[in-house]
Amino acid sequence: ERLSYTYGDRPVEVRRGWYVTTDF
């Protein structure tokens, strides 16, 4: 789960990712 920020520490994206990590 990622919270991304732009200038001024303003949050502009919530990203929830599910990753397959077999061989990765």
PDB file of all heavy atoms in Angstrom:
ATOM      1  N   GLU A   1       0.859  -1.187   0.000  1.00  0.00           N
ATOM      2  CA  GLU A   1       0.000   0.000   0.000  1.00  0.00           C
ATOM      3  C   GLU A   1       0.890   1.229   0.000  1.00  0.00           C
ATOM      4  O   GLU A   1       1.734   1.401   0.885  1.00  0.00           O
ATOM      5  CB  GLU A   1      -0.938   0.025   1.207  1.00  0.00           C
ATOM      6  CG  GLU A   1      -1.848   1.245   1.202  1.00  0.00           C
ATOM      7  CD  GLU A   1      -3.083   1.087   2.065  1.00  0.00           C
ATOM      8  OE1 GLU A   1      -3.635  -0.025   2.134  1.00  0.00           O
ATOM      9  OE2 GLU A   1      -3.507   2.084   2.672  1.00  0.00           O
ATOM     10  N   ARG A   2       0.703   2.066  -1.013  1.00  0.00           N
ATOM     11  CA  ARG A   2       1.554   3.238  -1.208  1.00  0.00           C
ATOM     12  C   ARG A   2       0.731   4.514  -1.108  1.00  0.00           C
ATOM     13  O   ARG A   2      -0.380   4.596  -1.648  1.00  0.00           O
ATOM     14  CB  ARG A   2       2.211   3.176  -2.588  1.00  0.00           C
ATOM     15  CG  ARG A   2       3.006   4.417  -2.971  1.00  0.00           C
ATOM     16  CD  ARG A   2       3.481   4.353  -4.406  1.00  0.00           C
ATOM     17  NE  ARG A   2       4.328   3.200  -4.654  1.00  0.00           N
ATOM     18  CZ  ARG A   2       4.752   2.829  -5.858  1.00  0.00           C
ATOM     19  NH1 ARG A   2       4.377   3.524  -6.933  1.00  0.00           N
ATOM     20  NH2 ARG A   2       5.518   1.781  -6.001  1.00  0.00           N
ATOM     21  N   LEU A   3       1.289   5.503  -0.434  1.00  0.00           N
ATOM     22  CA  LEU A   3       0.724   6.848  -0.423  1.00  0.00           C
ATOM     23  C   LEU A   3       1.770   7.763  -1.046  1.00  0.00           C
ATOM     24  O   LEU A   3       2.878   7.903  -0.519  1.00  0.00           O
ATOM     25  CB  LEU A   3       0.395   7.289   1.001  1.00  0.00           C
ATOM     26  CG  LEU A   3      -0.304   8.647   1.164  1.00  0.00           C
ATOM     27  CD1 LEU A   3      -1.611   8.696   0.377  1.00  0.00           C
ATOM     28  CD2 LEU A   3      -0.552   8.955   2.639  1.00  0.00           C
ATOM     29  N   SER A   4       1.437   8.339  -2.209  1.00  0.00           N
ATOM     30  CA  SER A   4       2.389   9.158  -2.955  1.00  0.00           C
ATOM     31  C   SER A   4       2.083  10.634  -2.758  1.00  0.00           C
ATOM     32  O   SER A   4       0.917  11.038  -2.645  1.00  0.00           O
ATOM     33  CB  SER A   4       2.333   8.821  -4.447  1.00  0.00           C
ATOM     34  OG  SER A   4       2.636   7.455  -4.660  1.00  0.00           O
ATOM     35  N   TYR A   5       3.155  11.431  -2.765  1.00  0.00           N
ATOM     36  CA  TYR A   5       3.043  12.860  -2.472  1.00  0.00           C
ATOM     37  C   TYR A   5       3.640  13.672  -3.620  1.00  0.00           C
ATOM     38  O   TYR A   5       4.595  13.247  -4.282  1.00  0.00           O
ATOM     39  CB  TYR A   5       3.805  13.211  -1.197  1.00  0.00           C
ATOM     40  CG  TYR A   5       3.318  12.516   0.042  1.00  0.00           C
ATOM     41  CD1 TYR A   5       3.720  11.232   0.349  1.00  0.00           C
ATOM     42  CD2 TYR A   5       2.445  13.173   0.927  1.00  0.00           C
ATOM     43  CE1 TYR A   5       3.275  10.598   1.500  1.00  0.00           C
ATOM     44  CE2 TYR A   5       2.000  12.544   2.079  1.00  0.00           C
ATOM     45  CZ  TYR A   5       2.417  11.257   2.361  1.00  0.00           C
ATOM     46  OH  TYR A   5       1.974  10.630   3.495  1.00  0.00           O
ATOM     47  N   THR A   6       3.083  14.865  -3.816  1.00  0.00           N
ATOM     48  CA  THR A   6       3.670  15.831  -4.727  1.00  0.00           C
ATOM     49  C   THR A   6       4.301  16.942  -3.901  1.00  0.00           C
ATOM     50  O   THR A   6       4.504  16.798  -2.689  1.00  0.00           O
ATOM     51  CB  THR A   6       2.613  16.369  -5.713  1.00  0.00           C
ATOM     52  OG1 THR A   6       3.276  17.168  -6.711  1.00  0.00           O
ATOM     53  CG2 THR A   6       1.550  17.206  -5.018  1.00  0.00           C
ATOM     54  N   TYR A   7       4.649  18.058  -4.537  1.00  0.00           N
ATOM     55  CA  TYR A   7       5.279  19.165  -3.827  1.00  0.00           C
ATOM     56  C   TYR A   7       4.419  19.613  -2.649  1.00  0.00           C
ATOM     57  O   TYR A   7       3.190  19.518  -2.675  1.00  0.00           O
ATOM     58  CB  TYR A   7       5.486  20.344  -4.777  1.00  0.00           C
ATOM     59  CG  TYR A   7       6.467  20.062  -5.892  1.00  0.00           C
ATOM     60  CD1 TYR A   7       6.019  19.848  -7.192  1.00  0.00           C
ATOM     61  CD2 TYR A   7       7.827  20.014  -5.646  1.00  0.00           C
ATOM     62  CE1 TYR A   7       6.920  19.594  -8.230  1.00  0.00           C
ATOM     63  CE2 TYR A   7       8.733  19.755  -6.670  1.00  0.00           C
ATOM     64  CZ  TYR A   7       8.271  19.544  -7.953  1.00  0.00           C
ATOM     65  OH  TYR A   7       9.155  19.284  -8.960  1.00  0.00           O
ATOM     66  N   GLY A   8       5.101  20.120  -1.615  1.00  0.00           N
ATOM     67  CA  GLY A   8       4.383  20.581  -0.434  1.00  0.00           C
ATOM     68  C   GLY A   8       3.873  19.450   0.427  1.00  0.00           C
ATOM     69  O   GLY A   8       3.039  19.668   1.313  1.00  0.00           O
ATOM     70  N   ASP A   9       4.380  18.235   0.186  1.00  0.00           N
ATOM     71  CA  ASP A   9       3.952  17.046   0.938  1.00  0.00           C
ATOM     72  C   ASP A   9       2.442  16.833   0.866  1.00  0.00           C
ATOM     73  O   ASP A   9       1.812  16.400   1.833  1.00  0.00           O
ATOM     74  CB  ASP A   9       4.402  17.124   2.403  1.00  0.00           C
ATOM     75  CG  ASP A   9       5.476  16.094   2.717  1.00  0.00           C
ATOM     76  OD1 ASP A   9       5.984  15.460   1.773  1.00  0.00           O
ATOM     77  OD2 ASP A   9       5.794  15.908   3.894  1.00  0.00           O
ATOM     78  N   ARG A  10       1.870  17.117  -0.298  1.00  0.00           N
ATOM     79  CA  ARG A  10       0.438  16.896  -0.492  1.00  0.00           C
ATOM     80  C   ARG A  10       0.204  15.481  -1.017  1.00  0.00           C
ATOM     81  O   ARG A  10       0.747  15.106  -2.052  1.00  0.00           O
ATOM     82  CB  ARG A  10      -0.143  17.913  -1.485  1.00  0.00           C
ATOM     83  CG  ARG A  10      -0.222  19.330  -0.943  1.00  0.00           C
ATOM     84  CD  ARG A  10      -0.901  20.244  -1.941  1.00  0.00           C
ATOM     85  NE  ARG A  10      -0.117  20.382  -3.156  1.00  0.00           N
ATOM     86  CZ  ARG A  10      -0.625  20.320  -4.385  1.00  0.00           C
ATOM     87  NH1 ARG A  10      -1.917  20.109  -4.571  1.00  0.00           N
ATOM     88  NH2 ARG A  10       0.154  20.491  -5.435  1.00  0.00           N
ATOM     89  N   PRO A  11      -0.615  14.685  -0.335  1.00  0.00           N
ATOM     90  CA  PRO A  11      -0.902  13.330  -0.824  1.00  0.00           C
ATOM     91  C   PRO A  11      -1.795  13.391  -2.059  1.00  0.00           C
ATOM     92  O   PRO A  11      -2.815  14.083  -2.059  1.00  0.00           O
ATOM     93  CB  PRO A  11      -1.613  12.670   0.358  1.00  0.00           C
ATOM     94  CG  PRO A  11      -2.236  13.806   1.115  1.00  0.00           C
ATOM     95  CD  PRO A  11      -1.304  14.980   0.937  1.00  0.00           C
ATOM     96  N   VAL A  12      -1.416  12.667  -3.119  1.00  0.00           N
ATOM     97  CA  VAL A  12      -2.172  12.729  -4.368  1.00  0.00           C
ATOM     98  C   VAL A  12      -2.460  11.352  -4.966  1.00  0.00           C
ATOM     99  O   VAL A  12      -3.062  11.260  -6.035  1.00  0.00           O
ATOM    100  CB  VAL A  12      -1.444  13.605  -5.423  1.00  0.00           C
ATOM    101  CG1 VAL A  12      -1.546  15.079  -5.066  1.00  0.00           C
ATOM    102  CG2 VAL A  12       0.011  13.194  -5.573  1.00  0.00           C
ATOM    103  N   GLU A  13      -2.036  10.289  -4.293  1.00  0.00           N
ATOM    104  CA  GLU A  13      -2.324   8.954  -4.814  1.00  0.00           C
ATOM    105  C   GLU A  13      -2.314   7.935  -3.690  1.00  0.00           C
ATOM    106  O   GLU A  13      -1.390   7.904  -2.870  1.00  0.00           O
ATOM    107  CB  GLU A  13      -1.286   8.533  -5.859  1.00  0.00           C
ATOM    108  CG  GLU A  13      -1.535   7.132  -6.417  1.00  0.00           C
ATOM    109  CD  GLU A  13      -0.285   6.501  -7.027  1.00  0.00           C
ATOM    110  OE1 GLU A  13       0.814   6.648  -6.448  1.00  0.00           O
ATOM    111  OE2 GLU A  13      -0.416   5.848  -8.083  1.00  0.00           O
ATOM    112  N   VAL A  14      -3.351   7.120  -3.648  1.00  0.00           N
ATOM    113  CA  VAL A  14      -3.353   5.905  -2.829  1.00  0.00           C
ATOM    114  C   VAL A  14      -3.288   4.741  -3.799  1.00  0.00           C
ATOM    115  O   VAL A  14      -4.098   4.649  -4.726  1.00  0.00           O
ATOM    116  CB  VAL A  14      -4.621   5.799  -1.959  1.00  0.00           C
ATOM    117  CG1 VAL A  14      -4.687   4.435  -1.275  1.00  0.00           C
ATOM    118  CG2 VAL A  14      -4.650   6.913  -0.918  1.00  0.00           C
ATOM    119  N   ARG A  15      -2.304   3.878  -3.626  1.00  0.00           N
ATOM    120  CA  ARG A  15      -2.141   2.730  -4.523  1.00  0.00           C
ATOM    121  C   ARG A  15      -2.050   1.456  -3.692  1.00  0.00           C
ATOM    122  O   ARG A  15      -1.222   1.351  -2.789  1.00  0.00           O
ATOM    123  CB  ARG A  15      -0.894   2.884  -5.381  1.00  0.00           C
ATOM    124  CG  ARG A  15      -0.689   1.720  -6.353  1.00  0.00           C
ATOM    125  CD  ARG A  15       0.557   1.905  -7.198  1.00  0.00           C
ATOM    126  NE  ARG A  15       0.484   3.114  -8.028  1.00  0.00           N
ATOM    127  CZ  ARG A  15       0.959   3.194  -9.259  1.00  0.00           C
ATOM    128  NH1 ARG A  15       1.533   2.142  -9.813  1.00  0.00           N
ATOM    129  NH2 ARG A  15       0.873   4.323  -9.939  1.00  0.00           N
ATOM    130  N   ARG A  16      -2.903   0.506  -4.017  1.00  0.00           N
ATOM    131  CA  ARG A  16      -2.857  -0.800  -3.364  1.00  0.00           C
ATOM    132  C   ARG A  16      -2.494  -1.838  -4.418  1.00  0.00           C
ATOM    133  O   ARG A  16      -3.229  -2.016  -5.393  1.00  0.00           O
ATOM    134  CB  ARG A  16      -4.203  -1.121  -2.724  1.00  0.00           C
ATOM    135  CG  ARG A  16      -4.541  -0.162  -1.580  1.00  0.00           C
ATOM    136  CD  ARG A  16      -6.004  -0.138  -1.248  1.00  0.00           C
ATOM    137  NE  ARG A  16      -6.285   0.828  -0.186  1.00  0.00           N
ATOM    138  CZ  ARG A  16      -7.498   1.259   0.127  1.00  0.00           C
ATOM    139  NH1 ARG A  16      -8.555   0.802  -0.527  1.00  0.00           N
ATOM    140  NH2 ARG A  16      -7.663   2.141   1.100  1.00  0.00           N
ATOM    141  N   GLY A  17      -1.363  -2.482  -4.230  1.00  0.00           N
ATOM    142  CA  GLY A  17      -0.878  -3.442  -5.212  1.00  0.00           C
ATOM    143  C   GLY A  17      -0.739  -4.830  -4.616  1.00  0.00           C
ATOM    144  O   GLY A  17      -0.341  -4.992  -3.460  1.00  0.00           O
ATOM    145  N   TRP A  18      -1.116  -5.839  -5.408  1.00  0.00           N
ATOM    146  CA  TRP A  18      -0.947  -7.242  -5.020  1.00  0.00           C
ATOM    147  C   TRP A  18       0.090  -7.839  -5.965  1.00  0.00           C
ATOM    148  O   TRP A  18      -0.076  -7.808  -7.195  1.00  0.00           O
ATOM    149  CB  TRP A  18      -2.267  -7.989  -5.121  1.00  0.00           C
ATOM    150  CG  TRP A  18      -3.235  -7.642  -4.038  1.00  0.00           C
ATOM    151  CD1 TRP A  18      -3.490  -8.333  -2.886  1.00  0.00           C
ATOM    152  CD2 TRP A  18      -4.126  -6.500  -3.996  1.00  0.00           C
ATOM    153  NE1 TRP A  18      -4.461  -7.707  -2.134  1.00  0.00           N
ATOM    154  CE2 TRP A  18      -4.868  -6.576  -2.790  1.00  0.00           C
ATOM    155  CE3 TRP A  18      -4.347  -5.426  -4.860  1.00  0.00           C
ATOM    156  CZ2 TRP A  18      -5.823  -5.629  -2.441  1.00  0.00           C
ATOM    157  CZ3 TRP A  18      -5.284  -4.477  -4.507  1.00  0.00           C
ATOM    158  CH2 TRP A  18      -6.017  -4.580  -3.312  1.00  0.00           C
ATOM    159  N   TYR A  19       1.175  -8.401  -5.412  1.00  0.00           N
ATOM    160  CA  TYR A  19       2.331  -8.837  -6.197  1.00  0.00           C
ATOM    161  C   TYR A  19       2.532 -10.348  -6.074  1.00  0.00           C
ATOM    162  O   TYR A  19       2.517 -10.903  -4.973  1.00  0.00           O
ATOM    163  CB  TYR A  19       3.611  -8.160  -5.688  1.00  0.00           C
ATOM    164  CG  TYR A  19       3.693  -6.684  -5.945  1.00  0.00           C
ATOM    165  CD1 TYR A  19       2.842  -5.783  -5.296  1.00  0.00           C
ATOM    166  CD2 TYR A  19       4.642  -6.146  -6.813  1.00  0.00           C
ATOM    167  CE1 TYR A  19       2.931  -4.424  -5.508  1.00  0.00           C
ATOM    168  CE2 TYR A  19       4.739  -4.782  -7.031  1.00  0.00           C
ATOM    169  CZ  TYR A  19       3.876  -3.926  -6.382  1.00  0.00           C
ATOM    170  OH  TYR A  19       3.968  -2.570  -6.601  1.00  0.00           O
ATOM    171  N   VAL A  20       2.750 -10.985  -7.229  1.00  0.00           N
ATOM    172  CA  VAL A  20       3.171 -12.383  -7.255  1.00  0.00           C
ATOM    173  C   VAL A  20       4.697 -12.390  -7.175  1.00  0.00           C
ATOM    174  O   VAL A  20       5.365 -11.801  -8.034  1.00  0.00           O
ATOM    175  CB  VAL A  20       2.717 -13.089  -8.549  1.00  0.00           C
ATOM    176  CG1 VAL A  20       3.197 -14.543  -8.558  1.00  0.00           C
ATOM    177  CG2 VAL A  20       1.201 -13.022  -8.686  1.00  0.00           C
ATOM    178  N   THR A  21       5.255 -13.040  -6.156  1.00  0.00           N
ATOM    179  CA  THR A  21       6.705 -12.979  -5.959  1.00  0.00           C
ATOM    180  C   THR A  21       7.389 -14.328  -6.188  1.00  0.00           C
ATOM    181  O   THR A  21       8.530 -14.515  -5.772  1.00  0.00           O
ATOM    182  CB  THR A  21       7.034 -12.452  -4.551  1.00  0.00           C
ATOM    183  OG1 THR A  21       6.382 -13.266  -3.572  1.00  0.00           O
ATOM    184  CG2 THR A  21       6.586 -11.014  -4.398  1.00  0.00           C
ATOM    185  N   THR A  22       6.719 -15.273  -6.849  1.00  0.00           N
ATOM    186  CA  THR A  22       7.391 -16.494  -7.261  1.00  0.00           C
ATOM    187  C   THR A  22       8.410 -16.128  -8.340  1.00  0.00           C
ATOM    188  O   THR A  22       8.055 -15.596  -9.394  1.00  0.00           O
ATOM    189  CB  THR A  22       6.383 -17.505  -7.839  1.00  0.00           C
ATOM    190  OG1 THR A  22       5.318 -17.682  -6.909  1.00  0.00           O
ATOM    191  CG2 THR A  22       7.064 -18.842  -8.095  1.00  0.00           C
ATOM    192  N   ASP A  23       9.669 -16.386  -8.079  1.00  0.00           N
ATOM    193  CA  ASP A  23      10.782 -16.042  -8.976  1.00  0.00           C
ATOM    194  C   ASP A  23      11.068 -14.546  -9.024  1.00  0.00           C
ATOM    195  O   ASP A  23      11.903 -14.102  -9.793  1.00  0.00           O
ATOM    196  CB  ASP A  23      10.534 -16.537 -10.414  1.00  0.00           C
ATOM    197  CG  ASP A  23      10.398 -18.045 -10.508  1.00  0.00           C
ATOM    198  OD1 ASP A  23      11.002 -18.732  -9.666  1.00  0.00           O
ATOM    199  OD2 ASP A  23       9.691 -18.517 -11.407  1.00  0.00           O
ATOM    200  N   PHE A  24      10.370 -13.766  -8.221  1.00  0.00           N
ATOM    201  CA  PHE A  24      10.590 -12.321  -8.164  1.00  0.00           C
ATOM    202  C   PHE A  24      10.699 -11.882  -6.704  1.00  0.00           C
ATOM    203  O   PHE A  24      10.311 -12.616  -5.800  1.00  0.00           O
ATOM    204  CB  PHE A  24       9.434 -11.560  -8.839  1.00  0.00           C
ATOM    205  CG  PHE A  24       9.497 -11.565 -10.347  1.00  0.00           C
ATOM    206  CD1 PHE A  24       9.196 -12.710 -11.066  1.00  0.00           C
ATOM    207  CD2 PHE A  24       9.863 -10.427 -11.049  1.00  0.00           C
ATOM    208  CE1 PHE A  24       9.251 -12.731 -12.443  1.00  0.00           C
ATOM    209  CE2 PHE A  24       9.922 -10.429 -12.436  1.00  0.00           C
ATOM    210  CZ  PHE A  24       9.610 -11.578 -13.140  1.00  0.00           C
TER     211      PHE A  24
END
